Amino acid sequence: MPESHTLPVGALDNPLRVVIADDMELIRLGLRYALEAEQDLTVVGMAANGDEAVEMCYRLRPDLALLDERMPGLDGLAATQAIKQRCPAVRVIILSPHGDLRCRVGALKAGADGWLLKNVTRTRLIATLRQVHRGEVLFSGEAEATLLRQVYGLPPEQLGVPFERLTPRELDVLRLLVQGQTNRQIAHSLTLSSGTIKAYVEQIIAKLHVTSRTHAAVRAIELGLIHMPTE
């Protein structure tokens, strides 16, 4: 089995700290070199399986974890669930070898903050890491609308805890959020400031008992608060 190891934190001031998990050593090394070519990213740990990834995230508390979907021991989805339970502040991105919708839905239900195909370009990978850290784009690209439609079919008994009723203005913001608009776009649509929209989004996330804007969109669809338009 490939050897995994912990790396020293980079010398730059406050770079985003990343843990990489993949059972193939060459892929781990390739991802490390791709990330550390950027001044604002540093790889603090590399794991060869899901169990090691969970342990590293608990011990190192990185900003981001980049997990292969298929690994020995705990796979990427099970590792994501464990990481979110033990250190929920760590944002997790799943790398998948294929684009099956069931895998995307599984990643979202496991608590992942992002999902990408393993053949993603370096530019897209770096951009997604930064966007996920900011909480702006989580399940990004053309897959998001289809993903949300798929999750819309989940039965009500899977919804979990009750939520506090949203105000009409919060529902306006939520409706545009589900459509994939950024805070700036929502602010323009509703003639409000970006700061006001940011506050509304934070209130919505808190009321729906979720941890991100994408999960808020999914929960809103599950609860029937917002309906996806039919094609």
C-alpha atoms as a PDB file:
ATOM      1  CA  MET A   1       0.000   0.000   0.000  1.00  0.00           C
ATOM      2  CA  PRO A   2       1.370   3.461  -0.830  1.00  0.00           C
ATOM      3  CA  GLU A   3       2.877   5.264   2.120  1.00  0.00           C
ATOM      4  CA  SER A   4       1.085   8.392   3.329  1.00  0.00           C
ATOM      5  CA  HIS A   5       2.656  11.185   5.297  1.00  0.00           C
ATOM      6  CA  THR A   6       2.122  14.597   6.822  1.00  0.00           C
ATOM      7  CA  LEU A   7       3.780  17.619   5.265  1.00  0.00           C
ATOM      8  CA  PRO A   8       4.974  20.824   6.967  1.00  0.00           C
ATOM      9  CA  VAL A   9       2.755  23.879   6.718  1.00  0.00           C
ATOM     10  CA  GLY A  10       3.886  26.378   4.092  1.00  0.00           C
ATOM     11  CA  ALA A  11       5.758  29.494   5.071  1.00  0.00           C
ATOM     12  CA  LEU A  12       3.318  31.919   3.430  1.00  0.00           C
ATOM     13  CA  ASP A  13       0.983  33.916   5.649  1.00  0.00           C
ATOM     14  CA  ASN A  14      -2.363  32.135   6.026  1.00  0.00           C
ATOM     15  CA  PRO A  15      -2.444  30.001   2.859  1.00  0.00           C
ATOM     16  CA  LEU A  16      -5.429  27.700   2.477  1.00  0.00           C
ATOM     17  CA  ARG A  17      -4.447  24.399   4.096  1.00  0.00           C
ATOM     18  CA  VAL A  18      -5.428  21.297   2.140  1.00  0.00           C
ATOM     19  CA  VAL A  19      -5.469  17.554   2.859  1.00  0.00           C
ATOM     20  CA  ILE A  20      -5.381  15.257  -0.184  1.00  0.00           C
ATOM     21  CA  ALA A  21      -6.652  11.670  -0.107  1.00  0.00           C
ATOM     22  CA  ASP A  22      -6.210   9.193  -2.963  1.00  0.00           C
ATOM     23  CA  ASP A  23      -5.049   5.584  -2.953  1.00  0.00           C
ATOM     24  CA  MET A  24      -2.765   6.182  -5.961  1.00  0.00           C
ATOM     25  CA  GLU A  25       0.540   7.793  -5.016  1.00  0.00           C
ATOM     26  CA  LEU A  26       1.125   9.422  -8.416  1.00  0.00           C
ATOM     27  CA  ILE A  27      -2.266  11.130  -8.257  1.00  0.00           C
ATOM     28  CA  ARG A  28      -1.578  12.388  -4.733  1.00  0.00           C
ATOM     29  CA  LEU A  29       1.764  13.795  -5.815  1.00  0.00           C
ATOM     30  CA  GLY A  30       0.298  15.325  -8.966  1.00  0.00           C
ATOM     31  CA  LEU A  31      -2.434  17.058  -6.992  1.00  0.00           C
ATOM     32  CA  ARG A  32       0.101  18.302  -4.448  1.00  0.00           C
ATOM     33  CA  TYR A  33       2.317  19.841  -7.122  1.00  0.00           C
ATOM     34  CA  ALA A  34      -0.676  21.417  -8.880  1.00  0.00           C
ATOM     35  CA  LEU A  35      -1.930  22.999  -5.669  1.00  0.00           C
ATOM     36  CA  GLU A  36       1.390  24.153  -4.252  1.00  0.00           C
ATOM     37  CA  ALA A  37       2.233  25.999  -7.464  1.00  0.00           C
ATOM     38  CA  GLU A  38      -0.303  28.536  -6.133  1.00  0.00           C
ATOM     39  CA  GLN A  39       0.877  30.964  -3.445  1.00  0.00           C
ATOM     40  CA  ASP A  40      -2.401  30.804  -1.526  1.00  0.00           C
ATOM     41  CA  LEU A  41      -2.557  26.986  -1.268  1.00  0.00           C
ATOM     42  CA  THR A  42      -0.467  24.562   0.763  1.00  0.00           C
ATOM     43  CA  VAL A  43      -0.869  20.797   1.174  1.00  0.00           C
ATOM     44  CA  VAL A  44      -0.513  19.845   4.841  1.00  0.00           C
ATOM     45  CA  GLY A  45      -1.280  16.139   4.545  1.00  0.00           C
ATOM     46  CA  MET A  46      -1.610  13.313   2.029  1.00  0.00           C
ATOM     47  CA  ALA A  47      -3.627  10.179   2.841  1.00  0.00           C
ATOM     48  CA  ALA A  48      -3.778   6.850   1.014  1.00  0.00           C
ATOM     49  CA  ASN A  49      -7.298   5.928   2.160  1.00  0.00           C
ATOM     50  CA  GLY A  50     -10.427   7.318   3.767  1.00  0.00           C
ATOM     51  CA  ASP A  51      -9.523   6.319   7.316  1.00  0.00           C
ATOM     52  CA  GLU A  52      -6.251   8.222   7.113  1.00  0.00           C
ATOM     53  CA  ALA A  53      -8.056  11.211   5.612  1.00  0.00           C
ATOM     54  CA  VAL A  54     -10.452  11.383   8.557  1.00  0.00           C
ATOM     55  CA  GLU A  55      -7.605  11.113  11.069  1.00  0.00           C
ATOM     56  CA  MET A  56      -5.579  13.816   9.300  1.00  0.00           C
ATOM     57  CA  CYS A  57      -8.519  16.214   9.122  1.00  0.00           C
ATOM     58  CA  TYR A  58      -9.222  15.721  12.825  1.00  0.00           C
ATOM     59  CA  ARG A  59      -5.568  16.212  13.764  1.00  0.00           C
ATOM     60  CA  LEU A  60      -4.573  18.966  11.320  1.00  0.00           C
ATOM     61  CA  ARG A  61      -7.884  20.845  10.928  1.00  0.00           C
ATOM     62  CA  PRO A  62      -7.247  21.939   7.330  1.00  0.00           C
ATOM     63  CA  ASP A  63      -9.410  24.428   5.476  1.00  0.00           C
ATOM     64  CA  LEU A  64     -10.147  21.976   2.662  1.00  0.00           C
ATOM     65  CA  ALA A  65     -10.056  18.230   2.042  1.00  0.00           C
ATOM     66  CA  LEU A  66      -9.807  16.853  -1.496  1.00  0.00           C
ATOM     67  CA  LEU A  67     -11.010  13.231  -1.444  1.00  0.00           C
ATOM     68  CA  ASP A  68     -11.075  10.530  -4.086  1.00  0.00           C
ATOM     69  CA  GLU A  69     -14.537   8.978  -4.242  1.00  0.00           C
ATOM     70  CA  ARG A  70     -13.168   5.409  -4.420  1.00  0.00           C
ATOM     71  CA  MET A  71     -10.595   4.429  -1.802  1.00  0.00           C
ATOM     72  CA  PRO A  72      -9.881   1.315   0.299  1.00  0.00           C
ATOM     73  CA  GLY A  73     -11.337   1.242   3.799  1.00  0.00           C
ATOM     74  CA  LEU A  74     -13.652   4.226   4.040  1.00  0.00           C
ATOM     75  CA  ASP A  75     -14.505   5.488   0.568  1.00  0.00           C
ATOM     76  CA  GLY A  76     -14.713   9.198  -0.164  1.00  0.00           C
ATOM     77  CA  LEU A  77     -18.392   9.500   0.767  1.00  0.00           C
ATOM     78  CA  ALA A  78     -18.067   7.644   4.078  1.00  0.00           C
ATOM     79  CA  ALA A  79     -14.926   9.645   4.863  1.00  0.00           C
ATOM     80  CA  THR A  80     -16.808  12.861   4.113  1.00  0.00           C
ATOM     81  CA  GLN A  81     -19.535  11.943   6.593  1.00  0.00           C
ATOM     82  CA  ALA A  82     -16.953  11.151   9.261  1.00  0.00           C
ATOM     83  CA  ILE A  83     -15.016  14.358   8.633  1.00  0.00           C
ATOM     84  CA  LYS A  84     -18.169  16.485   8.799  1.00  0.00           C
ATOM     85  CA  GLN A  85     -19.159  14.841  12.074  1.00  0.00           C
ATOM     86  CA  ARG A  86     -15.748  15.303  13.728  1.00  0.00           C
ATOM     87  CA  CYS A  87     -14.651  18.627  12.234  1.00  0.00           C
ATOM     88  CA  PRO A  88     -17.551  20.280  10.370  1.00  0.00           C
ATOM     89  CA  ALA A  89     -15.559  23.426   9.555  1.00  0.00           C
ATOM     90  CA  VAL A  90     -13.436  21.463   7.054  1.00  0.00           C
ATOM     91  CA  ARG A  91     -14.821  21.923   3.546  1.00  0.00           C
ATOM     92  CA  VAL A  92     -14.751  18.723   1.489  1.00  0.00           C
ATOM     93  CA  ILE A  93     -14.525  18.307  -2.284  1.00  0.00           C
ATOM     94  CA  ILE A  94     -15.084  14.879  -3.849  1.00  0.00           C
ATOM     95  CA  LEU A  95     -13.141  13.838  -6.953  1.00  0.00           C
ATOM     96  CA  SER A  96     -15.094  11.238  -8.933  1.00  0.00           C
ATOM     97  CA  PRO A  97     -13.939   9.102 -11.876  1.00  0.00           C
ATOM     98  CA  HIS A  98     -17.368   9.333 -13.513  1.00  0.00           C
ATOM     99  CA  GLY A  99     -20.326  11.693 -13.679  1.00  0.00           C
ATOM    100  CA  ASP A 100     -23.156   9.415 -12.545  1.00  0.00           C
ATOM    101  CA  LEU A 101     -25.909  11.532 -10.979  1.00  0.00           C
ATOM    102  CA  ARG A 102     -26.239   9.045  -8.136  1.00  0.00           C
ATOM    103  CA  CYS A 103     -22.645   9.777  -7.180  1.00  0.00           C
ATOM    104  CA  ARG A 104     -23.282  13.538  -7.140  1.00  0.00           C
ATOM    105  CA  VAL A 105     -26.387  13.104  -5.010  1.00  0.00           C
ATOM    106  CA  GLY A 106     -24.495  10.715  -2.730  1.00  0.00           C
ATOM    107  CA  ALA A 107     -21.710  13.248  -2.284  1.00  0.00           C
ATOM    108  CA  LEU A 108     -24.190  16.004  -1.459  1.00  0.00           C
ATOM    109  CA  LYS A 109     -26.091  13.832   1.021  1.00  0.00           C
ATOM    110  CA  ALA A 110     -22.792  12.854   2.661  1.00  0.00           C
ATOM    111  CA  GLY A 111     -22.162  16.539   3.364  1.00  0.00           C
ATOM    112  CA  ALA A 112     -19.601  17.310   0.656  1.00  0.00           C
ATOM    113  CA  ASP A 113     -19.174  20.981  -0.216  1.00  0.00           C
ATOM    114  CA  GLY A 114     -18.150  20.321  -3.801  1.00  0.00           C
ATOM    115  CA  TRP A 115     -17.835  17.668  -6.493  1.00  0.00           C
ATOM    116  CA  LEU A 116     -15.585  17.424  -9.543  1.00  0.00           C
ATOM    117  CA  LEU A 117     -14.666  14.843 -12.151  1.00  0.00           C
ATOM    118  CA  LYS A 118     -11.119  13.507 -11.775  1.00  0.00           C
ATOM    119  CA  ASN A 119     -10.278  14.628 -15.311  1.00  0.00           C
ATOM    120  CA  VAL A 120     -10.922  18.248 -14.309  1.00  0.00           C
ATOM    121  CA  THR A 121      -8.453  20.818 -15.604  1.00  0.00           C
ATOM    122  CA  ARG A 122      -5.930  22.290 -13.192  1.00  0.00           C
ATOM    123  CA  THR A 123      -7.454  25.745 -13.659  1.00  0.00           C
ATOM    124  CA  ARG A 124     -10.944  24.509 -12.785  1.00  0.00           C
ATOM    125  CA  LEU A 125      -9.652  22.553  -9.790  1.00  0.00           C
ATOM    126  CA  ILE A 126      -7.837  25.557  -8.310  1.00  0.00           C
ATOM    127  CA  ALA A 127     -10.812  27.839  -8.943  1.00  0.00           C
ATOM    128  CA  THR A 128     -13.193  25.374  -7.288  1.00  0.00           C
ATOM    129  CA  LEU A 129     -11.006  25.084  -4.195  1.00  0.00           C
ATOM    130  CA  ARG A 130     -11.060  28.841  -3.755  1.00  0.00           C
ATOM    131  CA  GLN A 131     -14.785  29.107  -4.461  1.00  0.00           C
ATOM    132  CA  VAL A 132     -15.660  26.306  -2.047  1.00  0.00           C
ATOM    133  CA  HIS A 133     -13.544  27.938   0.649  1.00  0.00           C
ATOM    134  CA  ARG A 134     -15.490  31.176   0.111  1.00  0.00           C
ATOM    135  CA  GLY A 135     -18.772  29.272   0.160  1.00  0.00           C
ATOM    136  CA  GLU A 136     -19.846  30.818  -3.137  1.00  0.00           C
ATOM    137  CA  VAL A 137     -19.860  27.858  -5.543  1.00  0.00           C
ATOM    138  CA  LEU A 138     -20.179  24.321  -4.228  1.00  0.00           C
ATOM    139  CA  PHE A 139     -21.649  21.919  -6.763  1.00  0.00           C
ATOM    140  CA  SER A 140     -20.763  24.104  -9.695  1.00  0.00           C
ATOM    141  CA  GLY A 141     -21.178  24.063 -13.424  1.00  0.00           C
ATOM    142  CA  GLU A 142     -23.844  22.579 -15.650  1.00  0.00           C
ATOM    143  CA  ALA A 143     -24.448  19.651 -13.267  1.00  0.00           C
ATOM    144  CA  GLU A 144     -26.059  21.723 -10.520  1.00  0.00           C
ATOM    145  CA  ALA A 145     -29.576  22.129 -11.911  1.00  0.00           C
ATOM    146  CA  THR A 146     -29.798  18.430 -12.775  1.00  0.00           C
ATOM    147  CA  LEU A 147     -28.436  17.515  -9.362  1.00  0.00           C
ATOM    148  CA  LEU A 148     -31.052  19.597  -7.585  1.00  0.00           C
ATOM    149  CA  ARG A 149     -33.836  18.054  -9.660  1.00  0.00           C
ATOM    150  CA  GLN A 150     -32.575  14.610  -8.666  1.00  0.00           C
ATOM    151  CA  VAL A 151     -32.486  15.516  -4.974  1.00  0.00           C
ATOM    152  CA  TYR A 152     -35.981  16.967  -5.277  1.00  0.00           C
ATOM    153  CA  GLY A 153     -37.261  13.399  -5.417  1.00  0.00           C
ATOM    154  CA  LEU A 154     -36.118  12.573  -1.863  1.00  0.00           C
ATOM    155  CA  PRO A 155     -38.998  11.575   0.450  1.00  0.00           C
ATOM    156  CA  PRO A 156     -40.034  13.996   3.253  1.00  0.00           C
ATOM    157  CA  GLU A 157     -38.953  11.557   6.002  1.00  0.00           C
ATOM    158  CA  GLN A 158     -35.318  12.180   5.018  1.00  0.00           C
ATOM    159  CA  LEU A 159     -35.517  15.897   5.702  1.00  0.00           C
ATOM    160  CA  GLY A 160     -34.407  15.767   9.351  1.00  0.00           C
ATOM    161  CA  VAL A 161     -34.956  18.587  11.846  1.00  0.00           C
ATOM    162  CA  PRO A 162     -37.767  21.157  11.550  1.00  0.00           C
ATOM    163  CA  PHE A 163     -36.979  24.675  10.420  1.00  0.00           C
ATOM    164  CA  GLU A 164     -37.934  28.189  11.427  1.00  0.00           C
ATOM    165  CA  ARG A 165     -40.393  29.862   9.048  1.00  0.00           C
ATOM    166  CA  LEU A 166     -38.782  32.119   6.466  1.00  0.00           C
ATOM    167  CA  THR A 167     -39.918  35.685   5.855  1.00  0.00           C
ATOM    168  CA  PRO A 168     -41.249  36.724   2.416  1.00  0.00           C
ATOM    169  CA  ARG A 169     -37.984  38.546   1.677  1.00  0.00           C
ATOM    170  CA  GLU A 170     -35.916  35.517   2.702  1.00  0.00           C
ATOM    171  CA  LEU A 171     -38.025  33.418   0.332  1.00  0.00           C
ATOM    172  CA  ASP A 172     -37.300  35.922  -2.450  1.00  0.00           C
ATOM    173  CA  VAL A 173     -33.582  35.548  -1.806  1.00  0.00           C
ATOM    174  CA  LEU A 174     -33.867  31.762  -1.542  1.00  0.00           C
ATOM    175  CA  ARG A 175     -35.726  31.527  -4.850  1.00  0.00           C
ATOM    176  CA  LEU A 176     -32.877  33.295  -6.655  1.00  0.00           C
ATOM    177  CA  LEU A 177     -30.265  31.302  -4.749  1.00  0.00           C
ATOM    178  CA  VAL A 178     -31.868  28.064  -6.002  1.00  0.00           C
ATOM    179  CA  GLN A 179     -31.595  29.452  -9.534  1.00  0.00           C
ATOM    180  CA  GLY A 180     -27.818  29.585  -9.021  1.00  0.00           C
ATOM    181  CA  GLN A 181     -27.441  33.356  -8.697  1.00  0.00           C
ATOM    182  CA  THR A 182     -24.519  34.777  -6.736  1.00  0.00           C
ATOM    183  CA  ASN A 183     -24.993  37.277  -3.911  1.00  0.00           C
ATOM    184  CA  ARG A 184     -24.136  40.103  -6.297  1.00  0.00           C
ATOM    185  CA  GLN A 185     -26.690  38.929  -8.855  1.00  0.00           C
ATOM    186  CA  ILE A 186     -29.377  38.516  -6.189  1.00  0.00           C
ATOM    187  CA  ALA A 187     -28.613  42.008  -4.893  1.00  0.00           C
ATOM    188  CA  HIS A 188     -29.041  43.413  -8.406  1.00  0.00           C
ATOM    189  CA  SER A 189     -32.300  41.502  -8.938  1.00  0.00           C
ATOM    190  CA  LEU A 190     -33.817  42.695  -5.646  1.00  0.00           C
ATOM    191  CA  THR A 191     -32.235  46.182  -5.670  1.00  0.00           C
ATOM    192  CA  LEU A 192     -30.432  45.572  -2.387  1.00  0.00           C
ATOM    193  CA  SER A 193     -26.785  45.722  -1.330  1.00  0.00           C
ATOM    194  CA  SER A 194     -24.539  42.670  -1.492  1.00  0.00           C
ATOM    195  CA  GLY A 195     -24.002  42.971   2.259  1.00  0.00           C
ATOM    196  CA  THR A 196     -27.742  42.787   2.884  1.00  0.00           C
ATOM    197  CA  ILE A 197     -28.035  39.707   0.682  1.00  0.00           C
ATOM    198  CA  LYS A 198     -25.116  38.084   2.489  1.00  0.00           C
ATOM    199  CA  ALA A 199     -26.951  38.616   5.784  1.00  0.00           C
ATOM    200  CA  TYR A 200     -30.162  37.144   4.350  1.00  0.00           C
ATOM    201  CA  VAL A 201     -28.284  34.074   3.070  1.00  0.00           C
ATOM    202  CA  GLU A 202     -26.724  33.543   6.502  1.00  0.00           C
ATOM    203  CA  GLN A 203     -30.176  33.797   8.115  1.00  0.00           C
ATOM    204  CA  ILE A 204     -31.603  31.295   5.629  1.00  0.00           C
ATOM    205  CA  ILE A 205     -28.786  28.835   6.267  1.00  0.00           C
ATOM    206  CA  ALA A 206     -29.325  29.102  10.019  1.00  0.00           C
ATOM    207  CA  LYS A 207     -33.109  28.708   9.788  1.00  0.00           C
ATOM    208  CA  LEU A 208     -32.913  25.650   7.524  1.00  0.00           C
ATOM    209  CA  HIS A 209     -30.280  24.022   9.773  1.00  0.00           C
ATOM    210  CA  VAL A 210     -27.768  23.523   6.956  1.00  0.00           C
ATOM    211  CA  THR A 211     -24.133  24.520   6.522  1.00  0.00           C
ATOM    212  CA  SER A 212     -23.920  26.064   3.054  1.00  0.00           C
ATOM    213  CA  ARG A 213     -25.898  27.873   0.367  1.00  0.00           C
ATOM    214  CA  THR A 214     -26.064  24.796  -1.865  1.00  0.00           C
ATOM    215  CA  HIS A 215     -27.421  22.674   0.969  1.00  0.00           C
ATOM    216  CA  ALA A 216     -29.925  25.458   1.671  1.00  0.00           C
ATOM    217  CA  ALA A 217     -31.092  25.275  -1.956  1.00  0.00           C
ATOM    218  CA  VAL A 218     -31.458  21.510  -1.777  1.00  0.00           C
ATOM    219  CA  ARG A 219     -33.312  21.668   1.546  1.00  0.00           C
ATOM    220  CA  ALA A 220     -35.671  24.322   0.172  1.00  0.00           C
ATOM    221  CA  ILE A 221     -36.563  22.059  -2.747  1.00  0.00           C
ATOM    222  CA  GLU A 222     -36.969  19.044  -0.457  1.00  0.00           C
ATOM    223  CA  LEU A 223     -39.327  20.991   1.792  1.00  0.00           C
ATOM    224  CA  GLY A 224     -41.350  22.303  -1.135  1.00  0.00           C
ATOM    225  CA  LEU A 225     -40.482  25.915  -0.296  1.00  0.00           C
ATOM    226  CA  ILE A 226     -39.127  26.391  -3.815  1.00  0.00           C
ATOM    227  CA  HIS A 227     -40.000  24.374  -6.893  1.00  0.00           C
ATOM    228  CA  MET A 228     -37.605  23.765  -9.772  1.00  0.00           C
ATOM    229  CA  PRO A 229     -39.119  24.818 -13.101  1.00  0.00           C
ATOM    230  CA  THR A 230     -40.140  21.930 -15.341  1.00  0.00           C
ATOM    231  CA  GLU A 231     -38.372  21.613 -18.630  1.00  0.00           C
END
